[in-house]
Every structure is written in structure tokens, then in C-alpha cells.
Amino acid sequence: MKIDYILDLKGEPCPFPAMAAIEAYESMKNGQVVQILSDCPQSINSVPEDAKKRGHEVLSIEQSGPTFTYIIKCVK
């Protein structure tokens, strides 16, 4: 899978990861994929939910230690 953008938001408290992801979706083209890294525990709720509400496809969610990795495909 080709990753078009990487947002490394480790160390950023919520709601910043979700807000940064929303800004990224707005600048992305249809079909592009973003990898979002966050160690904010609340991001497990906010990042996938916000992506789905905006019609984007959550391809995967993984956790390694305190870090969550979200792979999201932009759908416009």
C-alpha cells in the first residue's frame, strides 16, 4: 500500500491529532492515503470516528506500545 502522507503526532495531546487529521483530509486528493501516528489514548476514538463521519475509509488501526497507527484513505 502506498502511503502518500505521514502525520507524526506523537506527543501531541487530544484533540490536536484529530484536528490535524481533518486539516490533512481537506488538502488530500481522492484515493490518497495518510498514515497518522499518535500516542494520545483518546485518539483511538476520535481519529477513526472523525474520518468515517467525513466519508473517508479507515483501512487499518494498529497499536504498538503507546503508539496508535491509523491508515486512512481519503474519499471525496
N, C-alpha and C. Protein backbone atom coordinates (compact mmCIF):
# COMPACT_ATOMS: atom_id res chain seq x y z
N MET A 1 0.85 -1.18 0.00
CA MET A 1 0.00 0.00 0.00
C MET A 1 0.89 1.24 0.00
N LYS A 2 0.57 2.14 -0.87
CA LYS A 2 1.34 3.38 -0.95
C LYS A 2 0.80 4.39 0.05
N ILE A 3 1.69 4.92 0.87
CA ILE A 3 1.32 5.97 1.83
C ILE A 3 1.71 7.30 1.20
N ASP A 4 0.74 8.19 1.04
CA ASP A 4 1.01 9.49 0.42
C ASP A 4 1.48 10.53 1.42
N TYR A 5 0.96 10.43 2.65
CA TYR A 5 1.31 11.41 3.69
C TYR A 5 1.52 10.69 5.01
N ILE A 6 2.40 11.21 5.81
CA ILE A 6 2.59 10.71 7.17
C ILE A 6 2.44 11.89 8.12
N LEU A 7 1.54 11.73 9.08
CA LEU A 7 1.38 12.73 10.13
C LEU A 7 1.89 12.11 11.43
N ASP A 8 3.04 12.54 11.88
CA ASP A 8 3.59 12.03 13.14
C ASP A 8 3.18 13.00 14.24
N LEU A 9 2.16 12.61 14.98
CA LEU A 9 1.58 13.48 16.00
C LEU A 9 1.86 12.96 17.40
N LYS A 10 2.90 12.13 17.52
CA LYS A 10 3.26 11.62 18.84
C LYS A 10 3.65 12.79 19.74
N GLY A 11 3.17 12.76 20.96
CA GLY A 11 3.46 13.82 21.91
C GLY A 11 2.44 14.94 21.90
N GLU A 12 1.54 14.91 20.93
CA GLU A 12 0.51 15.95 20.83
C GLU A 12 -0.75 15.48 21.57
N PRO A 13 -1.25 16.30 22.48
CA PRO A 13 -2.45 15.91 23.22
C PRO A 13 -3.71 16.05 22.38
N CYS A 14 -4.72 15.26 22.74
CA CYS A 14 -6.01 15.40 22.09
C CYS A 14 -6.65 16.72 22.48
N PRO A 15 -7.35 17.39 21.60
CA PRO A 15 -7.86 16.91 20.32
C PRO A 15 -6.96 17.22 19.12
N PHE A 16 -5.70 17.62 19.35
CA PHE A 16 -4.86 18.04 18.24
C PHE A 16 -4.70 16.97 17.16
N PRO A 17 -4.47 15.68 17.49
CA PRO A 17 -4.34 14.69 16.40
C PRO A 17 -5.57 14.64 15.49
N ALA A 18 -6.75 14.67 16.08
CA ALA A 18 -7.97 14.62 15.25
C ALA A 18 -8.08 15.89 14.40
N MET A 19 -7.76 17.04 14.98
CA MET A 19 -7.84 18.31 14.24
C MET A 19 -6.83 18.34 13.09
N ALA A 20 -5.62 17.86 13.34
CA ALA A 20 -4.59 17.84 12.29
C ALA A 20 -4.98 16.88 11.18
N ALA A 21 -5.59 15.76 11.55
CA ALA A 21 -6.04 14.80 10.54
C ALA A 21 -7.11 15.42 9.65
N ILE A 22 -8.06 16.13 10.25
CA ILE A 22 -9.12 16.78 9.49
C ILE A 22 -8.53 17.78 8.49
N GLU A 23 -7.55 18.55 8.94
CA GLU A 23 -6.89 19.51 8.03
C GLU A 23 -6.20 18.78 6.88
N ALA A 24 -5.59 17.63 7.19
CA ALA A 24 -4.91 16.86 6.13
C ALA A 24 -5.90 16.35 5.10
N TYR A 25 -7.06 15.85 5.56
CA TYR A 25 -8.06 15.32 4.62
C TYR A 25 -8.46 16.41 3.62
N GLU A 26 -8.57 17.64 4.10
CA GLU A 26 -9.02 18.73 3.24
C GLU A 26 -8.03 19.01 2.11
N SER A 27 -6.74 18.77 2.34
CA SER A 27 -5.74 19.06 1.30
C SER A 27 -5.42 17.84 0.45
N MET A 28 -5.96 16.68 0.81
CA MET A 28 -5.67 15.46 0.07
C MET A 28 -6.62 15.28 -1.11
N LYS A 29 -6.16 14.49 -2.08
CA LYS A 29 -6.97 14.16 -3.25
C LYS A 29 -7.66 12.82 -3.02
N ASN A 30 -8.70 12.57 -3.77
CA ASN A 30 -9.42 11.32 -3.68
C ASN A 30 -8.47 10.13 -3.90
N GLY A 31 -8.53 9.17 -3.00
CA GLY A 31 -7.73 7.96 -3.13
C GLY A 31 -6.37 8.02 -2.46
N GLN A 32 -5.95 9.20 -2.04
CA GLN A 32 -4.67 9.28 -1.35
C GLN A 32 -4.80 8.70 0.06
N VAL A 33 -3.67 8.22 0.57
CA VAL A 33 -3.66 7.53 1.85
C VAL A 33 -2.74 8.27 2.82
N VAL A 34 -3.22 8.43 4.05
CA VAL A 34 -2.43 9.08 5.09
C VAL A 34 -2.20 8.10 6.23
N GLN A 35 -0.99 8.11 6.74
CA GLN A 35 -0.65 7.35 7.94
C GLN A 35 -0.55 8.35 9.09
N ILE A 36 -1.32 8.11 10.14
CA ILE A 36 -1.35 9.01 11.29
C ILE A 36 -0.81 8.27 12.49
N LEU A 37 0.21 8.84 13.12
CA LEU A 37 0.81 8.25 14.32
C LEU A 37 0.44 9.13 15.51
N SER A 38 -0.09 8.52 16.55
CA SER A 38 -0.48 9.28 17.74
C SER A 38 -0.31 8.42 18.98
N ASP A 39 0.15 9.04 20.06
CA ASP A 39 0.22 8.33 21.34
C ASP A 39 -0.79 8.89 22.34
N CYS A 40 -1.72 9.67 21.85
CA CYS A 40 -2.80 10.19 22.69
C CYS A 40 -3.86 9.07 22.81
N PRO A 41 -4.12 8.58 24.03
CA PRO A 41 -5.07 7.47 24.19
C PRO A 41 -6.47 7.77 23.63
N GLN A 42 -6.93 9.00 23.72
CA GLN A 42 -8.27 9.33 23.23
C GLN A 42 -8.35 9.32 21.71
N SER A 43 -7.21 9.31 21.03
CA SER A 43 -7.24 9.32 19.56
C SER A 43 -7.88 8.05 19.00
N ILE A 44 -7.86 6.96 19.77
CA ILE A 44 -8.48 5.71 19.29
C ILE A 44 -9.98 5.91 19.04
N ASN A 45 -10.57 6.86 19.72
CA ASN A 45 -11.98 7.17 19.50
C ASN A 45 -12.15 8.27 18.45
N SER A 46 -11.36 9.32 18.56
CA SER A 46 -11.61 10.50 17.73
C SER A 46 -11.12 10.38 16.29
N VAL A 47 -9.93 9.86 16.06
CA VAL A 47 -9.38 9.85 14.69
C VAL A 47 -10.21 8.96 13.75
N PRO A 48 -10.49 7.69 14.11
CA PRO A 48 -11.30 6.88 13.18
C PRO A 48 -12.73 7.40 13.03
N GLU A 49 -13.32 7.86 14.13
CA GLU A 49 -14.70 8.35 14.08
C GLU A 49 -14.81 9.59 13.19
N ASP A 50 -13.89 10.53 13.35
CA ASP A 50 -13.92 11.74 12.51
C ASP A 50 -13.72 11.38 11.04
N ALA A 51 -12.83 10.43 10.76
CA ALA A 51 -12.59 10.02 9.36
C ALA A 51 -13.87 9.44 8.75
N LYS A 52 -14.52 8.54 9.50
CA LYS A 52 -15.75 7.92 9.00
C LYS A 52 -16.86 8.95 8.79
N LYS A 53 -17.00 9.89 9.73
CA LYS A 53 -18.04 10.93 9.61
C LYS A 53 -17.85 11.76 8.34
N ARG A 54 -16.60 11.90 7.90
CA ARG A 54 -16.31 12.70 6.70
C ARG A 54 -16.29 11.85 5.44
N GLY A 55 -16.63 10.56 5.58
CA GLY A 55 -16.74 9.69 4.42
C GLY A 55 -15.45 9.01 3.99
N HIS A 56 -14.40 9.15 4.79
CA HIS A 56 -13.13 8.53 4.45
C HIS A 56 -13.11 7.08 4.93
N GLU A 57 -12.22 6.29 4.36
CA GLU A 57 -12.15 4.87 4.66
C GLU A 57 -10.99 4.58 5.62
N VAL A 58 -11.31 4.01 6.77
CA VAL A 58 -10.29 3.61 7.73
C VAL A 58 -9.78 2.23 7.31
N LEU A 59 -8.55 2.18 6.80
CA LEU A 59 -8.00 0.93 6.27
C LEU A 59 -7.43 0.04 7.37
N SER A 60 -6.80 0.65 8.37
CA SER A 60 -6.28 -0.16 9.47
C SER A 60 -6.01 0.70 10.69
N ILE A 61 -6.05 0.04 11.83
CA ILE A 61 -5.68 0.65 13.10
C ILE A 61 -4.79 -0.37 13.81
N GLU A 62 -3.60 0.06 14.17
CA GLU A 62 -2.69 -0.83 14.90
C GLU A 62 -2.14 -0.08 16.11
N GLN A 63 -1.78 -0.87 17.13
CA GLN A 63 -1.17 -0.28 18.32
C GLN A 63 0.14 -0.99 18.60
N SER A 64 1.18 -0.22 18.82
CA SER A 64 2.48 -0.76 19.22
C SER A 64 2.92 0.04 20.43
N GLY A 65 2.84 -0.57 21.60
CA GLY A 65 3.14 0.17 22.83
C GLY A 65 2.12 1.28 22.97
N PRO A 66 2.58 2.49 23.27
CA PRO A 66 1.62 3.60 23.42
C PRO A 66 1.20 4.26 22.11
N THR A 67 1.78 3.81 21.00
CA THR A 67 1.54 4.49 19.73
C THR A 67 0.49 3.78 18.89
N PHE A 68 -0.49 4.56 18.45
CA PHE A 68 -1.51 4.08 17.52
C PHE A 68 -1.10 4.51 16.12
N THR A 69 -1.30 3.61 15.16
CA THR A 69 -1.05 3.91 13.76
C THR A 69 -2.36 3.72 13.00
N TYR A 70 -2.82 4.80 12.40
CA TYR A 70 -4.06 4.78 11.63
C TYR A 70 -3.70 4.93 10.15
N ILE A 71 -4.28 4.10 9.31
CA ILE A 71 -4.12 4.24 7.87
C ILE A 71 -5.50 4.59 7.31
N ILE A 72 -5.59 5.76 6.72
CA ILE A 72 -6.88 6.27 6.26
C ILE A 72 -6.80 6.69 4.80
N LYS A 73 -7.78 6.23 4.03
CA LYS A 73 -7.86 6.58 2.61
C LYS A 73 -8.87 7.70 2.44
N CYS A 74 -8.44 8.74 1.77
CA CYS A 74 -9.31 9.90 1.55
C CYS A 74 -10.31 9.57 0.43
N VAL A 75 -11.57 9.79 0.70
CA VAL A 75 -12.63 9.58 -0.28
C VAL A 75 -13.36 10.91 -0.46
N LYS A 76 -13.34 11.42 -1.70
CA LYS A 76 -14.03 12.70 -1.98
C LYS A 76 -14.99 12.51 -3.13
